[in-house]
């Protein structure tokens, strides 16, 4: 348990940051799922729109340090590759 006042404050801040980060992680998963569902349904237009919405959220999540920058880049790249392959 935190003893000093600064440690108590840090513990309070950690709780609030955890909530924010959970929310952001959840949002990323939701956006990725929407792209994957559109791909599975075979709707290229919907998949492209979902990818366009998901990409900035993934990048922003990486900038905030919730996800590694290269992990976000890899996810965007793989989703884009799958959407592009739909027409072929």
N, C-alpha and C. Protein backbone atom coordinates (compact mmCIF):
# COMPACT_ATOMS: atom_id res chain seq x y z
N UNK A 1 0.85 -1.19 0.00
CA UNK A 1 0.00 0.00 0.00
C UNK A 1 0.88 1.24 0.00
N UNK A 2 0.42 2.29 -0.69
CA UNK A 2 1.17 3.54 -0.79
C UNK A 2 1.20 4.25 0.56
N UNK A 3 2.38 4.75 0.92
CA UNK A 3 2.53 5.44 2.21
C UNK A 3 2.65 6.95 2.05
N UNK A 4 3.46 7.39 1.10
CA UNK A 4 3.65 8.83 0.93
C UNK A 4 2.49 9.43 0.15
N UNK A 5 2.32 10.73 0.29
CA UNK A 5 1.22 11.40 -0.41
C UNK A 5 1.41 11.32 -1.93
N UNK A 6 2.67 11.40 -2.37
CA UNK A 6 2.91 11.32 -3.82
C UNK A 6 2.61 9.92 -4.36
N UNK A 7 2.88 8.90 -3.56
CA UNK A 7 2.58 7.53 -3.97
C UNK A 7 1.07 7.30 -4.01
N UNK A 8 0.36 7.92 -3.06
CA UNK A 8 -1.10 7.80 -3.04
C UNK A 8 -1.70 8.46 -4.28
N UNK A 9 -1.15 9.63 -4.63
CA UNK A 9 -1.63 10.33 -5.82
C UNK A 9 -1.33 9.51 -7.08
N UNK A 10 -0.14 8.93 -7.14
CA UNK A 10 0.24 8.11 -8.29
C UNK A 10 -0.71 6.92 -8.43
N UNK A 11 -1.10 6.34 -7.29
CA UNK A 11 -2.03 5.20 -7.31
C UNK A 11 -3.39 5.64 -7.84
N UNK A 12 -3.84 6.82 -7.43
CA UNK A 12 -5.13 7.34 -7.92
C UNK A 12 -5.06 7.60 -9.43
N UNK A 13 -3.95 8.19 -9.86
CA UNK A 13 -3.79 8.48 -11.29
C UNK A 13 -3.76 7.20 -12.10
N UNK A 14 -3.10 6.17 -11.56
CA UNK A 14 -2.98 4.90 -12.26
C UNK A 14 -4.36 4.28 -12.50
N UNK A 15 -5.24 4.41 -11.52
CA UNK A 15 -6.60 3.86 -11.66
C UNK A 15 -7.35 4.55 -12.80
N UNK A 16 -7.26 5.87 -12.84
CA UNK A 16 -7.98 6.60 -13.89
C UNK A 16 -7.36 6.34 -15.27
N UNK A 17 -6.02 6.25 -15.35
CA UNK A 17 -5.37 5.97 -16.63
C UNK A 17 -5.73 4.57 -17.13
N UNK A 18 -5.83 3.62 -16.19
CA UNK A 18 -6.19 2.26 -16.55
C UNK A 18 -7.56 2.22 -17.21
N UNK A 19 -8.50 2.98 -16.67
CA UNK A 19 -9.85 3.03 -17.25
C UNK A 19 -9.81 3.59 -18.67
N UNK A 20 -9.05 4.66 -18.86
CA UNK A 20 -8.95 5.28 -20.18
C UNK A 20 -8.31 4.31 -21.17
N UNK A 21 -7.23 3.66 -20.73
CA UNK A 21 -6.52 2.72 -21.61
C UNK A 21 -7.39 1.53 -21.96
N UNK A 22 -8.18 1.03 -21.00
CA UNK A 22 -9.09 -0.09 -21.26
C UNK A 22 -10.08 0.31 -22.34
N UNK A 23 -10.61 1.52 -22.22
CA UNK A 23 -11.58 2.02 -23.18
C UNK A 23 -10.97 2.09 -24.58
N UNK A 24 -9.74 2.59 -24.66
CA UNK A 24 -9.07 2.72 -25.95
C UNK A 24 -8.77 1.35 -26.56
N UNK A 25 -8.31 0.41 -25.73
CA UNK A 25 -8.04 -0.94 -26.22
C UNK A 25 -9.31 -1.60 -26.74
N UNK A 26 -10.40 -1.39 -26.03
CA UNK A 26 -11.69 -1.95 -26.43
C UNK A 26 -12.14 -1.36 -27.76
N UNK A 27 -11.94 -0.06 -27.92
CA UNK A 27 -12.33 0.62 -29.17
C UNK A 27 -11.55 0.07 -30.35
N UNK A 28 -10.25 -0.18 -30.14
CA UNK A 28 -9.41 -0.74 -31.21
C UNK A 28 -9.93 -2.10 -31.62
N UNK A 29 -10.23 -2.94 -30.64
CA UNK A 29 -10.72 -4.29 -30.93
C UNK A 29 -12.04 -4.23 -31.70
N UNK A 30 -12.92 -3.31 -31.32
CA UNK A 30 -14.21 -3.15 -31.98
C UNK A 30 -14.01 -2.74 -33.44
N UNK A 31 -13.11 -1.80 -33.67
CA UNK A 31 -12.86 -1.32 -35.04
C UNK A 31 -12.27 -2.42 -35.90
N UNK A 32 -11.33 -3.18 -35.35
CA UNK A 32 -10.72 -4.29 -36.09
C UNK A 32 -11.78 -5.34 -36.42
N UNK A 33 -12.64 -5.62 -35.44
CA UNK A 33 -13.70 -6.60 -35.66
C UNK A 33 -14.65 -6.15 -36.77
N UNK A 34 -14.96 -4.86 -36.82
CA UNK A 34 -15.88 -4.37 -37.86
C UNK A 34 -15.28 -4.55 -39.26
N UNK A 35 -13.96 -4.35 -39.38
CA UNK A 35 -13.30 -4.57 -40.67
C UNK A 35 -13.34 -6.06 -41.02
N UNK A 36 -13.01 -6.90 -40.05
CA UNK A 36 -12.99 -8.35 -40.30
C UNK A 36 -14.37 -8.89 -40.66
N UNK A 37 -15.40 -8.35 -40.02
CA UNK A 37 -16.77 -8.79 -40.34
C UNK A 37 -17.16 -8.40 -41.75
N UNK A 38 -16.75 -7.19 -42.17
CA UNK A 38 -17.04 -6.74 -43.53
C UNK A 38 -16.30 -7.60 -44.55
N UNK A 39 -15.06 -7.99 -44.22
CA UNK A 39 -14.28 -8.85 -45.11
C UNK A 39 -14.97 -10.22 -45.22
N UNK A 40 -15.40 -10.76 -44.07
CA UNK A 40 -16.05 -12.07 -44.05
C UNK A 40 -17.37 -12.04 -44.84
N UNK A 41 -18.06 -10.91 -44.77
CA UNK A 41 -19.33 -10.78 -45.49
C UNK A 41 -19.11 -10.60 -46.99
N UNK A 42 -17.88 -10.23 -47.37
CA UNK A 42 -17.57 -10.04 -48.79
C UNK A 42 -17.97 -8.69 -49.33
N UNK A 43 -18.22 -7.73 -48.44
CA UNK A 43 -18.64 -6.39 -48.85
C UNK A 43 -17.42 -5.47 -48.89
N UNK A 44 -16.85 -5.30 -50.08
CA UNK A 44 -15.60 -4.54 -50.20
C UNK A 44 -15.78 -3.07 -49.83
N UNK A 45 -16.87 -2.46 -50.24
CA UNK A 45 -17.09 -1.04 -49.93
C UNK A 45 -17.18 -0.80 -48.43
N UNK A 46 -17.90 -1.69 -47.78
CA UNK A 46 -18.05 -1.59 -46.32
C UNK A 46 -16.71 -1.85 -45.63
N UNK A 47 -15.94 -2.80 -46.15
CA UNK A 47 -14.63 -3.13 -45.58
C UNK A 47 -13.67 -1.95 -45.72
N UNK A 48 -13.69 -1.30 -46.88
CA UNK A 48 -12.82 -0.14 -47.09
C UNK A 48 -13.19 1.01 -46.15
N UNK A 49 -14.49 1.23 -45.97
CA UNK A 49 -14.94 2.29 -45.07
C UNK A 49 -14.55 1.98 -43.63
N UNK A 50 -14.70 0.72 -43.23
CA UNK A 50 -14.35 0.31 -41.87
C UNK A 50 -12.85 0.45 -41.65
N UNK A 51 -12.05 0.09 -42.66
CA UNK A 51 -10.59 0.22 -42.55
C UNK A 51 -10.19 1.69 -42.44
N UNK A 52 -10.86 2.53 -43.21
CA UNK A 52 -10.57 3.97 -43.18
C UNK A 52 -10.87 4.55 -41.80
N UNK A 53 -11.89 4.02 -41.13
CA UNK A 53 -12.23 4.47 -39.78
C UNK A 53 -11.30 3.87 -38.73
N UNK A 54 -10.84 2.63 -38.96
CA UNK A 54 -10.03 1.93 -37.97
C UNK A 54 -8.58 2.40 -37.95
N UNK A 55 -8.05 2.77 -39.10
CA UNK A 55 -6.63 3.12 -39.20
C UNK A 55 -6.22 4.27 -38.26
N UNK A 56 -6.93 5.41 -38.26
CA UNK A 56 -6.49 6.48 -37.35
C UNK A 56 -6.62 6.10 -35.88
N UNK A 57 -7.57 5.27 -35.55
CA UNK A 57 -7.74 4.85 -34.16
C UNK A 57 -6.56 3.97 -33.74
N UNK A 58 -6.14 3.07 -34.62
CA UNK A 58 -4.97 2.23 -34.33
C UNK A 58 -3.71 3.08 -34.17
N UNK A 59 -3.53 4.04 -35.06
CA UNK A 59 -2.34 4.90 -35.01
C UNK A 59 -2.34 5.74 -33.74
N UNK A 60 -3.49 6.28 -33.40
CA UNK A 60 -3.60 7.11 -32.20
C UNK A 60 -3.33 6.29 -30.93
N UNK A 61 -3.81 5.06 -30.94
CA UNK A 61 -3.58 4.17 -29.80
C UNK A 61 -2.09 3.91 -29.63
N UNK A 62 -1.39 3.76 -30.75
CA UNK A 62 0.06 3.54 -30.69
C UNK A 62 0.77 4.80 -30.20
N UNK A 63 0.32 5.96 -30.63
CA UNK A 63 0.93 7.22 -30.19
C UNK A 63 0.77 7.44 -28.70
N UNK A 64 -0.34 6.96 -28.15
CA UNK A 64 -0.61 7.12 -26.72
C UNK A 64 0.16 6.09 -25.88
N UNK A 65 0.80 5.13 -26.55
CA UNK A 65 1.61 4.15 -25.84
C UNK A 65 0.83 2.96 -25.32
N UNK A 66 -0.40 2.79 -25.78
CA UNK A 66 -1.24 1.69 -25.32
C UNK A 66 -0.89 0.43 -26.11
N UNK A 67 -0.48 0.65 -27.35
CA UNK A 67 -0.08 -0.44 -28.23
C UNK A 67 1.25 -0.02 -28.85
N UNK A 68 2.11 -0.98 -29.13
CA UNK A 68 3.40 -0.64 -29.74
C UNK A 68 3.17 -0.11 -31.15
N UNK A 69 3.98 0.84 -31.56
CA UNK A 69 3.83 1.49 -32.86
C UNK A 69 3.89 0.47 -34.00
N UNK A 70 4.83 -0.45 -33.92
CA UNK A 70 4.97 -1.44 -35.00
C UNK A 70 3.83 -2.45 -34.99
N UNK A 71 3.28 -2.74 -33.83
CA UNK A 71 2.14 -3.66 -33.75
C UNK A 71 0.93 -3.04 -34.45
N UNK A 72 0.72 -1.74 -34.21
CA UNK A 72 -0.40 -1.04 -34.85
C UNK A 72 -0.19 -0.99 -36.36
N UNK A 73 1.03 -0.71 -36.76
CA UNK A 73 1.36 -0.64 -38.18
C UNK A 73 1.13 -1.99 -38.86
N UNK A 74 1.52 -3.05 -38.17
CA UNK A 74 1.35 -4.41 -38.69
C UNK A 74 -0.13 -4.76 -38.86
N UNK A 75 -0.94 -4.37 -37.87
CA UNK A 75 -2.38 -4.66 -37.94
C UNK A 75 -3.02 -3.91 -39.11
N UNK A 76 -2.67 -2.63 -39.27
CA UNK A 76 -3.21 -1.83 -40.37
C UNK A 76 -2.80 -2.45 -41.70
N UNK A 77 -1.54 -2.81 -41.81
CA UNK A 77 -1.02 -3.37 -43.05
C UNK A 77 -1.73 -4.67 -43.41
N UNK A 78 -1.90 -5.54 -42.43
CA UNK A 78 -2.54 -6.84 -42.71
C UNK A 78 -4.01 -6.68 -43.07
N UNK A 79 -4.69 -5.75 -42.40
CA UNK A 79 -6.09 -5.51 -42.74
C UNK A 79 -6.21 -4.94 -44.14
N UNK A 80 -5.33 -3.98 -44.47
CA UNK A 80 -5.36 -3.36 -45.80
C UNK A 80 -5.09 -4.39 -46.88
N UNK A 81 -4.16 -5.29 -46.59
CA UNK A 81 -3.83 -6.35 -47.54
C UNK A 81 -5.04 -7.25 -47.79
N UNK A 82 -5.76 -7.58 -46.73
CA UNK A 82 -6.94 -8.45 -46.86
C UNK A 82 -8.07 -7.74 -47.62
N UNK A 83 -8.23 -6.44 -47.37
CA UNK A 83 -9.28 -5.68 -48.07
C UNK A 83 -8.92 -5.58 -49.55
N UNK A 84 -7.65 -5.33 -49.84
CA UNK A 84 -7.20 -5.21 -51.23
C UNK A 84 -7.39 -6.52 -51.99
N UNK A 85 -7.17 -7.63 -51.30
CA UNK A 85 -7.28 -8.95 -51.95
C UNK A 85 -8.72 -9.34 -52.25
N UNK A 86 -9.69 -8.61 -51.71
CA UNK A 86 -11.10 -8.96 -51.91
C UNK A 86 -11.52 -8.86 -53.38
N UNK A 87 -10.98 -7.91 -54.12
CA UNK A 87 -11.38 -7.72 -55.52
C UNK A 87 -10.83 -8.81 -56.42
N UNK A 88 -9.68 -9.36 -56.03
CA UNK A 88 -9.03 -10.38 -56.86
C UNK A 88 -9.71 -11.73 -56.77
